[in-house]
C-alpha atoms as a PDB file:
ATOM      1  CA  MET A   1     -64.366  -4.750 -52.262  1.00  0.00           C
ATOM      2  CA  LYS A   2     -67.377  -3.566 -50.293  1.00  0.00           C
ATOM      3  CA  ASP A   3     -68.201   0.132 -50.151  1.00  0.00           C
ATOM      4  CA  LEU A   4     -66.447   1.989 -47.335  1.00  0.00           C
ATOM      5  CA  ALA A   5     -68.338   5.291 -47.599  1.00  0.00           C
ATOM      6  CA  ASN A   6     -70.471   4.582 -44.518  1.00  0.00           C
ATOM      7  CA  CYS A   7     -67.909   2.549 -42.600  1.00  0.00           C
ATOM      8  CA  THR A   8     -67.630   3.599 -38.958  1.00  0.00           C
ATOM      9  CA  LEU A   9     -65.748   1.409 -36.485  1.00  0.00           C
ATOM     10  CA  GLU A  10     -65.437   1.738 -32.705  1.00  0.00           C
ATOM     11  CA  LEU A  11     -63.379  -0.062 -30.080  1.00  0.00           C
ATOM     12  CA  ASN A  12     -61.841   0.715 -26.726  1.00  0.00           C
ATOM     13  CA  GLY A  13     -62.955   4.366 -26.693  1.00  0.00           C
ATOM     14  CA  VAL A  14     -61.654   5.062 -30.204  1.00  0.00           C
ATOM     15  CA  ARG A  15     -63.916   5.652 -33.218  1.00  0.00           C
ATOM     16  CA  LEU A  16     -62.933   5.620 -36.881  1.00  0.00           C
ATOM     17  CA  GLU A  17     -65.288   7.514 -39.165  1.00  0.00           C
ATOM     18  CA  PRO A  18     -64.934   8.577 -42.808  1.00  0.00           C
ATOM     19  CA  LEU A  19     -62.643  11.617 -42.985  1.00  0.00           C
ATOM     20  CA  GLY A  20     -64.268  14.786 -44.288  1.00  0.00           C
ATOM     21  CA  LEU A  21     -63.730  18.524 -44.302  1.00  0.00           C
ATOM     22  CA  GLN A  22     -65.771  18.744 -41.090  1.00  0.00           C
ATOM     23  CA  HIS A  23     -62.721  17.227 -39.338  1.00  0.00           C
ATOM     24  CA  ALA A  24     -60.303  19.979 -40.452  1.00  0.00           C
ATOM     25  CA  ALA A  25     -60.239  21.983 -37.209  1.00  0.00           C
ATOM     26  CA  GLY A  26     -59.771  18.819 -35.164  1.00  0.00           C
ATOM     27  CA  LEU A  27     -56.943  17.591 -37.400  1.00  0.00           C
ATOM     28  CA  ARG A  28     -55.214  20.977 -37.132  1.00  0.00           C
ATOM     29  CA  ALA A  29     -55.377  20.733 -33.344  1.00  0.00           C
ATOM     30  CA  ALA A  30     -54.133  17.129 -33.371  1.00  0.00           C
ATOM     31  CA  ALA A  31     -51.162  18.056 -35.576  1.00  0.00           C
ATOM     32  CA  ALA A  32     -50.386  21.068 -33.361  1.00  0.00           C
ATOM     33  CA  ASP A  33     -50.051  18.661 -30.413  1.00  0.00           C
ATOM     34  CA  GLY A  34     -46.345  18.083 -31.002  1.00  0.00           C
ATOM     35  CA  GLU A  35     -46.015  20.215 -34.176  1.00  0.00           C
ATOM     36  CA  LEU A  36     -45.991  16.953 -36.119  1.00  0.00           C
ATOM     37  CA  TRP A  37     -45.616  18.645 -39.521  1.00  0.00           C
ATOM     38  CA  LYS A  38     -42.011  19.458 -38.546  1.00  0.00           C
ATOM     39  CA  LEU A  39     -41.064  15.781 -38.631  1.00  0.00           C
ATOM     40  CA  ARG A  40     -39.156  15.079 -41.835  1.00  0.00           C
ATOM     41  CA  ILE A  41     -40.396  11.502 -42.167  1.00  0.00           C
ATOM     42  CA  THR A  42     -44.160  12.033 -41.931  1.00  0.00           C
ATOM     43  CA  SER A  43     -46.897  13.415 -44.168  1.00  0.00           C
ATOM     44  CA  VAL A  44     -48.648  15.422 -41.441  1.00  0.00           C
ATOM     45  CA  PRO A  45     -50.000  18.678 -42.920  1.00  0.00           C
ATOM     46  CA  GLU A  46     -49.036  22.115 -41.690  1.00  0.00           C
ATOM     47  CA  PRO A  47     -52.044  23.933 -40.175  1.00  0.00           C
ATOM     48  CA  HIS A  48     -52.739  25.972 -43.342  1.00  0.00           C
ATOM     49  CA  GLU A  49     -52.562  22.793 -45.478  1.00  0.00           C
ATOM     50  CA  THR A  50     -55.143  20.770 -43.543  1.00  0.00           C
ATOM     51  CA  ASP A  51     -58.138  21.400 -45.830  1.00  0.00           C
ATOM     52  CA  ALA A  52     -56.035  20.533 -48.901  1.00  0.00           C
ATOM     53  CA  TYR A  53     -54.724  17.404 -47.125  1.00  0.00           C
ATOM     54  CA  ILE A  54     -58.281  16.204 -46.481  1.00  0.00           C
ATOM     55  CA  GLN A  55     -59.408  17.066 -50.016  1.00  0.00           C
ATOM     56  CA  ALA A  56     -56.440  15.176 -51.482  1.00  0.00           C
ATOM     57  CA  ALA A  57     -57.447  12.114 -49.441  1.00  0.00           C
ATOM     58  CA  LEU A  58     -61.029  12.393 -50.689  1.00  0.00           C
ATOM     59  CA  ASP A  59     -59.840  12.786 -54.280  1.00  0.00           C
ATOM     60  CA  MET A  60     -57.841   9.537 -54.040  1.00  0.00           C
ATOM     61  CA  ARG A  61     -60.982   7.422 -53.652  1.00  0.00           C
ATOM     62  CA  PRO A  62     -61.439   4.557 -54.483  1.00  0.00           C
ATOM     63  CA  SER A  63     -57.736   3.663 -54.143  1.00  0.00           C
ATOM     64  CA  ARG A  64     -57.542   5.337 -50.702  1.00  0.00           C
ATOM     65  CA  PHE A  65     -60.155   5.619 -47.997  1.00  0.00           C
ATOM     66  CA  ALA A  66     -59.258   7.916 -45.086  1.00  0.00           C
ATOM     67  CA  PHE A  67     -60.659   7.868 -41.564  1.00  0.00           C
ATOM     68  CA  ALA A  68     -60.684  10.461 -38.812  1.00  0.00           C
ATOM     69  CA  VAL A  69     -59.527   8.949 -35.522  1.00  0.00           C
ATOM     70  CA  ILE A  70     -61.859  10.196 -32.781  1.00  0.00           C
ATOM     71  CA  ASP A  71     -61.678   9.949 -28.987  1.00  0.00           C
ATOM     72  CA  ALA A  72     -65.201   8.540 -28.543  1.00  0.00           C
ATOM     73  CA  THR A  73     -65.584   9.908 -25.017  1.00  0.00           C
ATOM     74  CA  SER A  74     -64.768  13.550 -25.785  1.00  0.00           C
ATOM     75  CA  ASN A  75     -65.625  13.407 -29.519  1.00  0.00           C
ATOM     76  CA  THR A  76     -62.200  14.957 -30.209  1.00  0.00           C
ATOM     77  CA  VAL A  77     -60.258  14.322 -33.405  1.00  0.00           C
ATOM     78  CA  ILE A  78     -56.913  12.817 -32.401  1.00  0.00           C
ATOM     79  CA  GLY A  79     -55.476  11.802 -35.771  1.00  0.00           C
ATOM     80  CA  THR A  80     -56.118  10.026 -39.023  1.00  0.00           C
ATOM     81  CA  THR A  81     -55.463   6.700 -40.734  1.00  0.00           C
ATOM     82  CA  SER A  82     -56.335   5.190 -44.103  1.00  0.00           C
ATOM     83  CA  TYR A  83     -56.821   2.136 -46.180  1.00  0.00           C
ATOM     84  CA  HIS A  84     -54.801   2.758 -49.337  1.00  0.00           C
ATOM     85  CA  ASP A  85     -53.469   1.002 -52.404  1.00  0.00           C
ATOM     86  CA  ILE A  86     -56.757  -0.888 -52.387  1.00  0.00           C
ATOM     87  CA  VAL A  87     -56.692  -3.679 -54.985  1.00  0.00           C
ATOM     88  CA  PRO A  88     -60.029  -5.552 -54.840  1.00  0.00           C
ATOM     89  CA  ALA A  89     -59.105  -7.993 -57.629  1.00  0.00           C
ATOM     90  CA  ILE A  90     -56.470  -9.639 -55.439  1.00  0.00           C
ATOM     91  CA  GLY A  91     -57.939  -8.884 -51.999  1.00  0.00           C
ATOM     92  CA  ARG A  92     -55.132  -6.525 -50.978  1.00  0.00           C
ATOM     93  CA  VAL A  93     -55.242  -3.328 -48.989  1.00  0.00           C
ATOM     94  CA  GLU A  94     -52.623  -1.340 -47.117  1.00  0.00           C
ATOM     95  CA  ILE A  95     -53.028   0.593 -43.884  1.00  0.00           C
ATOM     96  CA  GLY A  96     -51.146   3.865 -43.670  1.00  0.00           C
ATOM     97  CA  TYR A  97     -51.191   7.650 -43.779  1.00  0.00           C
ATOM     98  CA  THR A  98     -51.477   7.183 -40.015  1.00  0.00           C
ATOM     99  CA  TRP A  99     -50.627   9.824 -37.465  1.00  0.00           C
ATOM    100  CA  TYR A 100     -51.861  10.774 -34.020  1.00  0.00           C
ATOM    101  CA  ALA A 101     -51.520  13.800 -31.754  1.00  0.00           C
ATOM    102  CA  ARG A 102     -48.277  13.500 -29.792  1.00  0.00           C
ATOM    103  CA  SER A 103     -50.221  13.082 -26.512  1.00  0.00           C
ATOM    104  CA  ARG A 104     -51.939   9.987 -27.984  1.00  0.00           C
ATOM    105  CA  GLN A 105     -48.790   8.303 -29.239  1.00  0.00           C
ATOM    106  CA  ARG A 106     -47.512   5.297 -27.267  1.00  0.00           C
ATOM    107  CA  THR A 107     -51.026   4.697 -25.892  1.00  0.00           C
ATOM    108  CA  SER A 108     -53.604   2.042 -26.773  1.00  0.00           C
ATOM    109  CA  VAL A 109     -54.936   4.227 -29.627  1.00  0.00           C
ATOM    110  CA  ASN A 110     -52.733   2.724 -32.348  1.00  0.00           C
ATOM    111  CA  THR A 111     -53.356  -0.865 -31.245  1.00  0.00           C
ATOM    112  CA  SER A 112     -57.110  -0.197 -31.125  1.00  0.00           C
ATOM    113  CA  CYS A 113     -57.104   1.393 -34.595  1.00  0.00           C
ATOM    114  CA  LYS A 114     -55.052  -1.389 -36.131  1.00  0.00           C
ATOM    115  CA  LEU A 115     -57.244  -4.078 -34.558  1.00  0.00           C
ATOM    116  CA  MET A 116     -60.361  -2.408 -35.978  1.00  0.00           C
ATOM    117  CA  LEU A 117     -58.874  -1.916 -39.447  1.00  0.00           C
ATOM    118  CA  LEU A 118     -57.333  -5.378 -39.652  1.00  0.00           C
ATOM    119  CA  SER A 119     -60.551  -7.012 -38.411  1.00  0.00           C
ATOM    120  CA  HIS A 120     -62.580  -5.107 -40.993  1.00  0.00           C
ATOM    121  CA  ALA A 121     -60.090  -5.893 -43.770  1.00  0.00           C
ATOM    122  CA  PHE A 122     -59.889  -9.626 -43.103  1.00  0.00           C
ATOM    123  CA  ASP A 123     -63.337 -10.388 -41.676  1.00  0.00           C
ATOM    124  CA  THR A 124     -65.588  -8.007 -43.648  1.00  0.00           C
ATOM    125  CA  LEU A 125     -63.677  -7.092 -46.813  1.00  0.00           C
ATOM    126  CA  ASP A 126     -62.297 -10.642 -47.097  1.00  0.00           C
ATOM    127  CA  CYS A 127     -58.761  -9.479 -47.835  1.00  0.00           C
ATOM    128  CA  ALA A 128     -56.006 -12.002 -48.451  1.00  0.00           C
ATOM    129  CA  VAL A 129     -53.258  -9.651 -47.273  1.00  0.00           C
ATOM    130  CA  VAL A 130     -52.913  -6.302 -45.522  1.00  0.00           C
ATOM    131  CA  GLY A 131     -49.767  -4.302 -46.131  1.00  0.00           C
ATOM    132  CA  PHE A 132     -47.955  -1.498 -44.341  1.00  0.00           C
ATOM    133  CA  ARG A 133     -45.142   0.786 -45.474  1.00  0.00           C
ATOM    134  CA  THR A 134     -42.942   3.381 -43.846  1.00  0.00           C
ATOM    135  CA  ASP A 135     -39.895   5.547 -44.390  1.00  0.00           C
ATOM    136  CA  ASN A 136     -36.599   3.733 -43.891  1.00  0.00           C
ATOM    137  CA  PHE A 137     -35.634   6.332 -41.259  1.00  0.00           C
ATOM    138  CA  ASN A 138     -38.945   6.144 -39.373  1.00  0.00           C
ATOM    139  CA  TYR A 139     -37.713   3.650 -36.797  1.00  0.00           C
ATOM    140  CA  THR A 140     -40.628   4.389 -34.459  1.00  0.00           C
ATOM    141  CA  SER A 141     -43.126   3.412 -37.152  1.00  0.00           C
ATOM    142  CA  GLN A 142     -41.150   0.310 -38.097  1.00  0.00           C
ATOM    143  CA  ALA A 143     -41.134  -0.835 -34.458  1.00  0.00           C
ATOM    144  CA  ALA A 144     -44.878  -0.166 -34.137  1.00  0.00           C
ATOM    145  CA  ILE A 145     -45.630  -2.178 -37.287  1.00  0.00           C
ATOM    146  CA  GLU A 146     -43.448  -5.046 -36.081  1.00  0.00           C
ATOM    147  CA  ARG A 147     -45.201  -4.994 -32.662  1.00  0.00           C
ATOM    148  CA  LEU A 148     -48.462  -5.640 -34.530  1.00  0.00           C
ATOM    149  CA  GLY A 149     -47.042  -8.908 -35.787  1.00  0.00           C
ATOM    150  CA  ALA A 150     -46.495  -7.837 -39.400  1.00  0.00           C
ATOM    151  CA  LYS A 151     -43.663  -9.470 -41.327  1.00  0.00           C
ATOM    152  CA  LYS A 152     -41.056  -7.407 -43.147  1.00  0.00           C
ATOM    153  CA  ASP A 153     -41.345  -8.017 -46.882  1.00  0.00           C
ATOM    154  CA  GLY A 154     -38.383  -5.905 -47.933  1.00  0.00           C
ATOM    155  CA  VAL A 155     -37.212  -2.440 -48.886  1.00  0.00           C
ATOM    156  CA  LEU A 156     -38.120  -0.525 -52.043  1.00  0.00           C
ATOM    157  CA  ARG A 157     -35.056   1.561 -52.835  1.00  0.00           C
ATOM    158  CA  HIS A 158     -35.381   5.194 -53.981  1.00  0.00           C
ATOM    159  CA  HIS A 159     -39.150   4.868 -53.777  1.00  0.00           C
ATOM    160  CA  GLY A 160     -40.818   8.064 -52.611  1.00  0.00           C
ATOM    161  CA  LEU A 161     -40.372  11.782 -52.162  1.00  0.00           C
ATOM    162  CA  ARG A 162     -40.189  13.259 -48.665  1.00  0.00           C
ATOM    163  CA  ARG A 163     -41.624  16.664 -47.836  1.00  0.00           C
ATOM    164  CA  ASP A 164     -38.089  18.145 -47.786  1.00  0.00           C
ATOM    165  CA  GLY A 165     -37.419  17.006 -51.355  1.00  0.00           C
ATOM    166  CA  THR A 166     -35.159  14.072 -50.497  1.00  0.00           C
ATOM    167  CA  VAL A 167     -35.978  10.596 -51.772  1.00  0.00           C
ATOM    168  CA  ARG A 168     -36.728   7.844 -49.296  1.00  0.00           C
ATOM    169  CA  ASP A 169     -36.418   4.098 -49.291  1.00  0.00           C
ATOM    170  CA  THR A 170     -39.701   2.446 -48.263  1.00  0.00           C
ATOM    171  CA  VAL A 171     -39.836  -0.473 -45.839  1.00  0.00           C
ATOM    172  CA  MET A 172     -42.718  -2.838 -46.703  1.00  0.00           C
ATOM    173  CA  TYR A 173     -44.548  -5.166 -44.284  1.00  0.00           C
ATOM    174  CA  SER A 174     -47.609  -7.397 -44.484  1.00  0.00           C
ATOM    175  CA  ILE A 175     -49.967  -9.696 -42.612  1.00  0.00           C
ATOM    176  CA  THR A 176     -51.612 -12.559 -44.510  1.00  0.00           C
ATOM    177  CA  ARG A 177     -55.046 -14.041 -43.884  1.00  0.00           C
ATOM    178  CA  GLY A 178     -53.409 -17.189 -42.482  1.00  0.00           C
ATOM    179  CA  GLU A 179     -51.477 -15.099 -39.943  1.00  0.00           C
ATOM    180  CA  TRP A 180     -54.512 -13.036 -38.953  1.00  0.00           C
ATOM    181  CA  PRO A 181     -55.935 -15.297 -36.172  1.00  0.00           C
ATOM    182  CA  GLU A 182     -52.651 -15.198 -34.245  1.00  0.00           C
ATOM    183  CA  VAL A 183     -52.155 -11.468 -34.856  1.00  0.00           C
ATOM    184  CA  ARG A 184     -55.735 -10.789 -33.704  1.00  0.00           C
ATOM    185  CA  ALA A 185     -55.174 -12.784 -30.506  1.00  0.00           C
ATOM    186  CA  HIS A 186     -51.918 -10.898 -29.900  1.00  0.00           C
ATOM    187  CA  LEU A 187     -53.530  -7.468 -30.367  1.00  0.00           C
ATOM    188  CA  ARG A 188     -56.444  -8.348 -28.087  1.00  0.00           C
ATOM    189  CA  TYR A 189     -53.966  -9.560 -25.468  1.00  0.00           C
ATOM    190  CA  ARG A 190     -52.004  -6.302 -25.715  1.00  0.00           C
ATOM    191  CA  LEU A 191     -55.176  -4.247 -25.228  1.00  0.00           C
ATOM    192  CA  GLN A 192     -56.223  -6.354 -22.223  1.00  0.00           C
ATOM    193  CA  ARG A 193     -52.786  -5.841 -20.645  1.00  0.00           C
ATOM    194  CA  GLY A 194     -53.046  -2.092 -21.183  1.00  0.00           C
END
């Protein structure tokens, strides 16, 4: 899979750039918009954990590549998203570790980010499939993934640890290369409609 270290993408006033420690203050502010670390079903860092969160993402390379999500007009960090579970040998990548400031949720930001990441995965990285996963109780995330056009693959039972120490089931989704043209058209249509 091609190197992602210099990958910057921009669409619809949203820019994705490689996440680094220089984004820490912006990520802290984004997380504070809604106190997102208090949500049981997310991996949003508490303010004092932000530097460690970013460093952990950097340490996971090459199996994870994290992006800062930037409002291109104001140059403000509004969240983060990642490619992860990158498996070049079979052309598979997942998109996840995604969260946005509360004020940016339910806007065109997520659709714009997913269109950029899916386009890059299928059209540049030549992926065969792009996966998504979420907590079985994160109904908002499941609905957002389904609105993208991803198909539900199934549920991995007793699969991951939540921040509160409980064990979650993980709901798995994917989009295949053959489905990509229709999904791309759908996402572009959604952005045009606002």
